[in-house]
PDB file of N, CA and C in Angstrom:
ATOM      1  N   UNK A   1     -18.307  -4.201  -1.319  1.00  0.00           N
ATOM      2  CA  UNK A   1     -17.161  -4.768  -2.526  1.00  0.00           C
ATOM      3  C   UNK A   1     -16.507  -5.382  -1.243  1.00  0.00           C
ATOM      4  N   UNK A   2     -15.979  -6.585  -1.654  1.00  0.00           N
ATOM      5  CA  UNK A   2     -14.666  -7.239  -0.923  1.00  0.00           C
ATOM      6  C   UNK A   2     -13.212  -7.188  -1.719  1.00  0.00           C
ATOM      7  N   UNK A   3     -12.541  -6.810  -0.735  1.00  0.00           N
ATOM      8  CA  UNK A   3     -11.083  -6.438  -1.459  1.00  0.00           C
ATOM      9  C   UNK A   3     -10.325  -7.651  -1.033  1.00  0.00           C
ATOM     10  N   UNK A   4      -9.254  -7.810  -1.948  1.00  0.00           N
ATOM     11  CA  UNK A   4      -8.158  -9.033  -1.696  1.00  0.00           C
ATOM     12  C   UNK A   4      -7.045  -7.914  -0.827  1.00  0.00           C
ATOM     13  N   UNK A   5      -6.924  -8.226   0.403  1.00  0.00           N
ATOM     14  CA  UNK A   5      -6.178  -7.277   1.050  1.00  0.00           C
ATOM     15  C   UNK A   5      -4.609  -7.904   0.827  1.00  0.00           C
ATOM     16  N   UNK A   6      -4.391  -9.302   0.686  1.00  0.00           N
ATOM     17  CA  UNK A   6      -3.120  -9.335   0.310  1.00  0.00           C
ATOM     18  C   UNK A   6      -2.543  -8.759  -0.797  1.00  0.00           C
ATOM     19  N   UNK A   7      -3.104  -8.913  -1.594  1.00  0.00           N
ATOM     20  CA  UNK A   7      -2.640  -8.072  -3.146  1.00  0.00           C
ATOM     21  C   UNK A   7      -2.476  -6.596  -2.760  1.00  0.00           C
ATOM     22  N   UNK A   8      -3.440  -6.129  -2.458  1.00  0.00           N
ATOM     23  CA  UNK A   8      -3.327  -4.689  -2.347  1.00  0.00           C
ATOM     24  C   UNK A   8      -1.830  -4.359  -1.415  1.00  0.00           C
ATOM     25  N   UNK A   9      -1.807  -5.148   0.055  1.00  0.00           N
ATOM     26  CA  UNK A   9      -0.688  -4.818   0.774  1.00  0.00           C
ATOM     27  C   UNK A   9       0.669  -5.071   0.021  1.00  0.00           C
ATOM     28  N   UNK A  10       0.805  -5.927  -0.896  1.00  0.00           N
ATOM     29  CA  UNK A  10       1.630  -6.473  -1.717  1.00  0.00           C
ATOM     30  C   UNK A  10       2.051  -5.205  -2.470  1.00  0.00           C
ATOM     31  N   UNK A  11       0.956  -4.863  -3.429  1.00  0.00           N
ATOM     32  CA  UNK A  11       1.206  -3.812  -4.193  1.00  0.00           C
ATOM     33  C   UNK A  11       1.588  -2.555  -3.543  1.00  0.00           C
ATOM     34  N   UNK A  12       1.340  -2.245  -2.363  1.00  0.00           N
ATOM     35  CA  UNK A  12       1.626  -1.109  -1.786  1.00  0.00           C
ATOM     36  C   UNK A  12       2.768  -1.051  -1.173  1.00  0.00           C
ATOM     37  N   UNK A  13       3.487  -2.317  -0.745  1.00  0.00           N
ATOM     38  CA  UNK A  13       4.772  -2.190  -0.311  1.00  0.00           C
ATOM     39  C   UNK A  13       5.682  -2.347  -1.491  1.00  0.00           C
ATOM     40  N   UNK A  14       5.347  -2.728  -2.869  1.00  0.00           N
ATOM     41  CA  UNK A  14       6.115  -2.735  -3.628  1.00  0.00           C
ATOM     42  C   UNK A  14       6.563  -1.325  -4.189  1.00  0.00           C
ATOM     43  N   UNK A  15       5.333  -0.620  -3.984  1.00  0.00           N
ATOM     44  CA  UNK A  15       5.458   0.901  -4.689  1.00  0.00           C
ATOM     45  C   UNK A  15       6.412   1.512  -3.583  1.00  0.00           C
ATOM     46  N   UNK A  16       6.490   1.250  -2.323  1.00  0.00           N
ATOM     47  CA  UNK A  16       7.171   2.054  -1.150  1.00  0.00           C
ATOM     48  C   UNK A  16       8.333   1.395  -1.421  1.00  0.00           C
ATOM     49  N   UNK A  17       8.961   0.387  -1.723  1.00  0.00           N
ATOM     50  CA  UNK A  17      10.265  -0.007  -1.907  1.00  0.00           C
ATOM     51  C   UNK A  17      10.710   0.292  -3.235  1.00  0.00           C
ATOM     52  N   UNK A  18      10.235   0.480  -4.341  1.00  0.00           N
ATOM     53  CA  UNK A  18      10.306   1.227  -5.563  1.00  0.00           C
ATOM     54  C   UNK A  18      10.750   2.657  -5.284  1.00  0.00           C
ATOM     55  N   UNK A  19      10.150   3.575  -4.613  1.00  0.00           N
ATOM     56  CA  UNK A  19      10.105   4.758  -4.084  1.00  0.00           C
ATOM     57  C   UNK A  19      11.282   4.879  -3.451  1.00  0.00           C
ATOM     58  N   UNK A  20      11.497   3.926  -2.573  1.00  0.00           N
ATOM     59  CA  UNK A  20      13.038   3.956  -1.793  1.00  0.00           C
ATOM     60  C   UNK A  20      14.057   3.711  -2.313  1.00  0.00           C
ATOM     61  N   UNK A  21      14.222   2.500  -3.089  1.00  0.00           N
ATOM     62  CA  UNK A  21      15.210   2.368  -4.283  1.00  0.00           C
ATOM     63  C   UNK A  21      15.629   3.181  -5.369  1.00  0.00           C
ATOM     64  N   UNK A  22      14.341   3.591  -6.019  1.00  0.00           N
ATOM     65  CA  UNK A  22      14.695   4.388  -7.539  1.00  0.00           C
ATOM     66  C   UNK A  22      14.979   5.634  -7.059  1.00  0.00           C
ATOM     67  N   UNK A  23      14.191   6.065  -5.929  1.00  0.00           N
ATOM     68  CA  UNK A  23      14.260   7.759  -6.013  1.00  0.00           C
ATOM     69  C   UNK A  23      14.816   8.049  -4.878  1.00  0.00           C
ATOM     70  N   UNK A  24      15.193   7.246  -3.860  1.00  0.00           N
ATOM     71  CA  UNK A  24      16.010   7.426  -2.705  1.00  0.00           C
ATOM     72  C   UNK A  24      15.585   8.197  -1.606  1.00  0.00           C
ATOM     73  N   UNK A  25      13.996   8.024  -1.769  1.00  0.00           N
ATOM     74  CA  UNK A  25      13.263   8.416  -0.780  1.00  0.00           C
ATOM     75  C   UNK A  25      12.906   7.885   0.543  1.00  0.00           C
ATOM     76  N   UNK A  26      13.547   8.237   1.456  1.00  0.00           N
ATOM     77  CA  UNK A  26      13.540   7.735   2.684  1.00  0.00           C
ATOM     78  C   UNK A  26      11.993   7.487   3.436  1.00  0.00           C
ATOM     79  N   UNK A  27      11.265   8.443   3.176  1.00  0.00           N
ATOM     80  CA  UNK A  27       9.992   8.401   3.905  1.00  0.00           C
ATOM     81  C   UNK A  27       9.423   6.895   3.446  1.00  0.00           C
ATOM     82  N   UNK A  28       9.491   6.624   2.319  1.00  0.00           N
ATOM     83  CA  UNK A  28       9.017   5.376   1.679  1.00  0.00           C
ATOM     84  C   UNK A  28       9.384   4.225   2.401  1.00  0.00           C
ATOM     85  N   UNK A  29      10.087   4.175   2.838  1.00  0.00           N
ATOM     86  CA  UNK A  29      10.697   2.887   3.426  1.00  0.00           C
ATOM     87  C   UNK A  29      10.209   2.776   4.791  1.00  0.00           C
ATOM     88  N   UNK A  30      10.046   4.454   5.637  1.00  0.00           N
ATOM     89  CA  UNK A  30       9.284   4.330   6.788  1.00  0.00           C
ATOM     90  C   UNK A  30       7.742   4.091   6.559  1.00  0.00           C
ATOM     91  N   UNK A  31       7.207   4.401   5.646  1.00  0.00           N
ATOM     92  CA  UNK A  31       5.844   3.964   5.170  1.00  0.00           C
ATOM     93  C   UNK A  31       5.556   2.598   5.176  1.00  0.00           C
ATOM     94  N   UNK A  32       6.408   2.009   4.397  1.00  0.00           N
ATOM     95  CA  UNK A  32       6.281   0.229   4.586  1.00  0.00           C
ATOM     96  C   UNK A  32       5.973  -0.357   5.423  1.00  0.00           C
ATOM     97  N   UNK A  33       6.634   0.177   6.719  1.00  0.00           N
ATOM     98  CA  UNK A  33       6.408  -0.454   7.990  1.00  0.00           C
ATOM     99  C   UNK A  33       4.735  -0.139   8.388  1.00  0.00           C
ATOM    100  N   UNK A  34       4.118   1.145   8.004  1.00  0.00           N
ATOM    101  CA  UNK A  34       2.859   1.320   8.428  1.00  0.00           C
ATOM    102  C   UNK A  34       2.204   0.255   7.523  1.00  0.00           C
ATOM    103  N   UNK A  35       2.514   0.089   6.215  1.00  0.00           N
ATOM    104  CA  UNK A  35       1.839  -1.005   5.246  1.00  0.00           C
ATOM    105  C   UNK A  35       1.936  -2.053   5.678  1.00  0.00           C
ATOM    106  N   UNK A  36       2.928  -2.828   6.468  1.00  0.00           N
ATOM    107  CA  UNK A  36       3.062  -3.899   6.992  1.00  0.00           C
ATOM    108  C   UNK A  36       2.176  -4.219   8.157  1.00  0.00           C
ATOM    109  N   UNK A  37       2.011  -3.271   8.872  1.00  0.00           N
ATOM    110  CA  UNK A  37       1.538  -3.407  10.178  1.00  0.00           C
ATOM    111  C   UNK A  37      -0.106  -3.003  10.015  1.00  0.00           C
ATOM    112  N   UNK A  38      -0.478  -2.475   8.987  1.00  0.00           N
ATOM    113  CA  UNK A  38      -1.902  -1.910   9.035  1.00  0.00           C
ATOM    114  C   UNK A  38      -3.053  -2.969   9.096  1.00  0.00           C
ATOM    115  N   UNK A  39      -4.154  -2.618   9.796  1.00  0.00           N
ATOM    116  CA  UNK A  39      -4.971  -3.410   9.720  1.00  0.00           C
ATOM    117  C   UNK A  39      -5.672  -3.534   8.302  1.00  0.00           C
ATOM    118  N   UNK A  40      -6.778  -4.173   7.803  1.00  0.00           N
ATOM    119  CA  UNK A  40      -7.213  -4.246   6.583  1.00  0.00           C
ATOM    120  C   UNK A  40      -8.381  -2.932   6.258  1.00  0.00           C
ATOM    121  N   UNK A  41      -8.599  -2.401   7.493  1.00  0.00           N
ATOM    122  CA  UNK A  41      -9.247  -1.111   7.628  1.00  0.00           C
ATOM    123  C   UNK A  41      -8.554  -0.080   6.824  1.00  0.00           C
ATOM    124  N   UNK A  42      -7.111  -0.207   7.901  1.00  0.00           N
ATOM    125  CA  UNK A  42      -6.423   1.105   7.861  1.00  0.00           C
ATOM    126  C   UNK A  42      -5.683   0.976   6.350  1.00  0.00           C
ATOM    127  N   UNK A  43      -5.416  -0.081   5.886  1.00  0.00           N
ATOM    128  CA  UNK A  43      -4.910  -0.360   4.670  1.00  0.00           C
ATOM    129  C   UNK A  43      -5.785   0.298   3.735  1.00  0.00           C
ATOM    130  N   UNK A  44      -7.029   0.031   3.494  1.00  0.00           N
ATOM    131  CA  UNK A  44      -7.816   0.527   2.664  1.00  0.00           C
ATOM    132  C   UNK A  44      -8.075   2.297   2.645  1.00  0.00           C
ATOM    133  N   UNK A  45      -7.688   2.593   3.974  1.00  0.00           N
ATOM    134  CA  UNK A  45      -8.115   4.091   3.925  1.00  0.00           C
ATOM    135  C   UNK A  45      -6.494   4.481   3.742  1.00  0.00           C
ATOM    136  N   UNK A  46      -5.595   3.845   3.676  1.00  0.00           N
ATOM    137  CA  UNK A  46      -4.228   4.570   2.959  1.00  0.00           C
ATOM    138  C   UNK A  46      -4.382   4.322   1.551  1.00  0.00           C
ATOM    139  N   UNK A  47      -4.602   3.156   1.031  1.00  0.00           N
ATOM    140  CA  UNK A  47      -5.040   3.253  -0.296  1.00  0.00           C
ATOM    141  C   UNK A  47      -5.805   4.304  -0.889  1.00  0.00           C
ATOM    142  N   UNK A  48      -6.788   4.466  -0.571  1.00  0.00           N
ATOM    143  CA  UNK A  48      -7.682   5.562  -0.515  1.00  0.00           C
ATOM    144  C   UNK A  48      -7.079   6.988  -0.902  1.00  0.00           C
ATOM    145  N   UNK A  49      -6.245   7.308   0.236  1.00  0.00           N
ATOM    146  CA  UNK A  49      -5.565   8.393   0.287  1.00  0.00           C
ATOM    147  C   UNK A  49      -4.523   8.961  -0.919  1.00  0.00           C
ATOM    148  N   UNK A  50      -4.241   7.514  -1.141  1.00  0.00           N
ATOM    149  CA  UNK A  50      -3.063   7.449  -2.171  1.00  0.00           C
ATOM    150  C   UNK A  50      -3.528   7.498  -3.429  1.00  0.00           C
ATOM    151  N   UNK A  51      -4.867   7.649  -3.553  1.00  0.00           N
ATOM    152  CA  UNK A  51      -5.688   7.365  -5.014  1.00  0.00           C
ATOM    153  C   UNK A  51      -5.516   6.035  -5.585  1.00  0.00           C
ATOM    154  N   UNK A  52      -5.409   5.039  -5.040  1.00  0.00           N
ATOM    155  CA  UNK A  52      -5.618   3.734  -5.573  1.00  0.00           C
ATOM    156  C   UNK A  52      -6.889   3.551  -5.905  1.00  0.00           C
ATOM    157  N   UNK A  53      -6.952   2.547  -6.875  1.00  0.00           N
ATOM    158  CA  UNK A  53      -8.337   2.515  -7.422  1.00  0.00           C
ATOM    159  C   UNK A  53      -8.553   0.922  -6.628  1.00  0.00           C
ATOM    160  N   UNK A  54      -9.470   0.765  -5.681  1.00  0.00           N
ATOM    161  CA  UNK A  54      -9.596  -0.231  -5.245  1.00  0.00           C
ATOM    162  C   UNK A  54     -10.728  -1.578  -5.905  1.00  0.00           C
ATOM    163  N   UNK A  55     -10.980  -0.832  -7.161  1.00  0.00           N
ATOM    164  CA  UNK A  55     -11.667  -2.072  -7.799  1.00  0.00           C
ATOM    165  C   UNK A  55     -10.876  -2.892  -8.396  1.00  0.00           C
ATOM    166  N   UNK A  56      -9.515  -2.564  -8.551  1.00  0.00           N
ATOM    167  CA  UNK A  56      -8.459  -3.472  -8.988  1.00  0.00           C
ATOM    168  C   UNK A  56      -8.412  -4.419  -8.094  1.00  0.00           C
ATOM    169  N   UNK A  57      -8.802  -4.485  -6.938  1.00  0.00           N
ATOM    170  CA  UNK A  57      -8.203  -5.598  -5.821  1.00  0.00           C
ATOM    171  C   UNK A  57      -9.824  -6.179  -5.316  1.00  0.00           C
ATOM    172  N   UNK A  58     -11.021  -5.892  -6.209  1.00  0.00           N
ATOM    173  CA  UNK A  58     -12.045  -6.399  -5.862  1.00  0.00           C
ATOM    174  C   UNK A  58     -12.342  -7.997  -6.253  1.00  0.00           C
ATOM    175  N   UNK A  59     -12.594  -8.840  -5.221  1.00  0.00           N
ATOM    176  CA  UNK A  59     -12.680 -10.488  -5.590  1.00  0.00           C
ATOM    177  C   UNK A  59     -14.230 -10.659  -5.751  1.00  0.00           C
TER     178      UNK A  59
END
């Protein structure tokens, strides 16, 4: 399976920012730094831990 890493990263960042601004969840802002700096492999692992369906990002 080939994953569109840029789209996955963008969506994960949007989720982090949404959690921070809507719910005032400070941990989400810290997590956004991890998402920005993650290698493609790390990003996929993070997405799997969060239960994100990676098939949505298949190219």
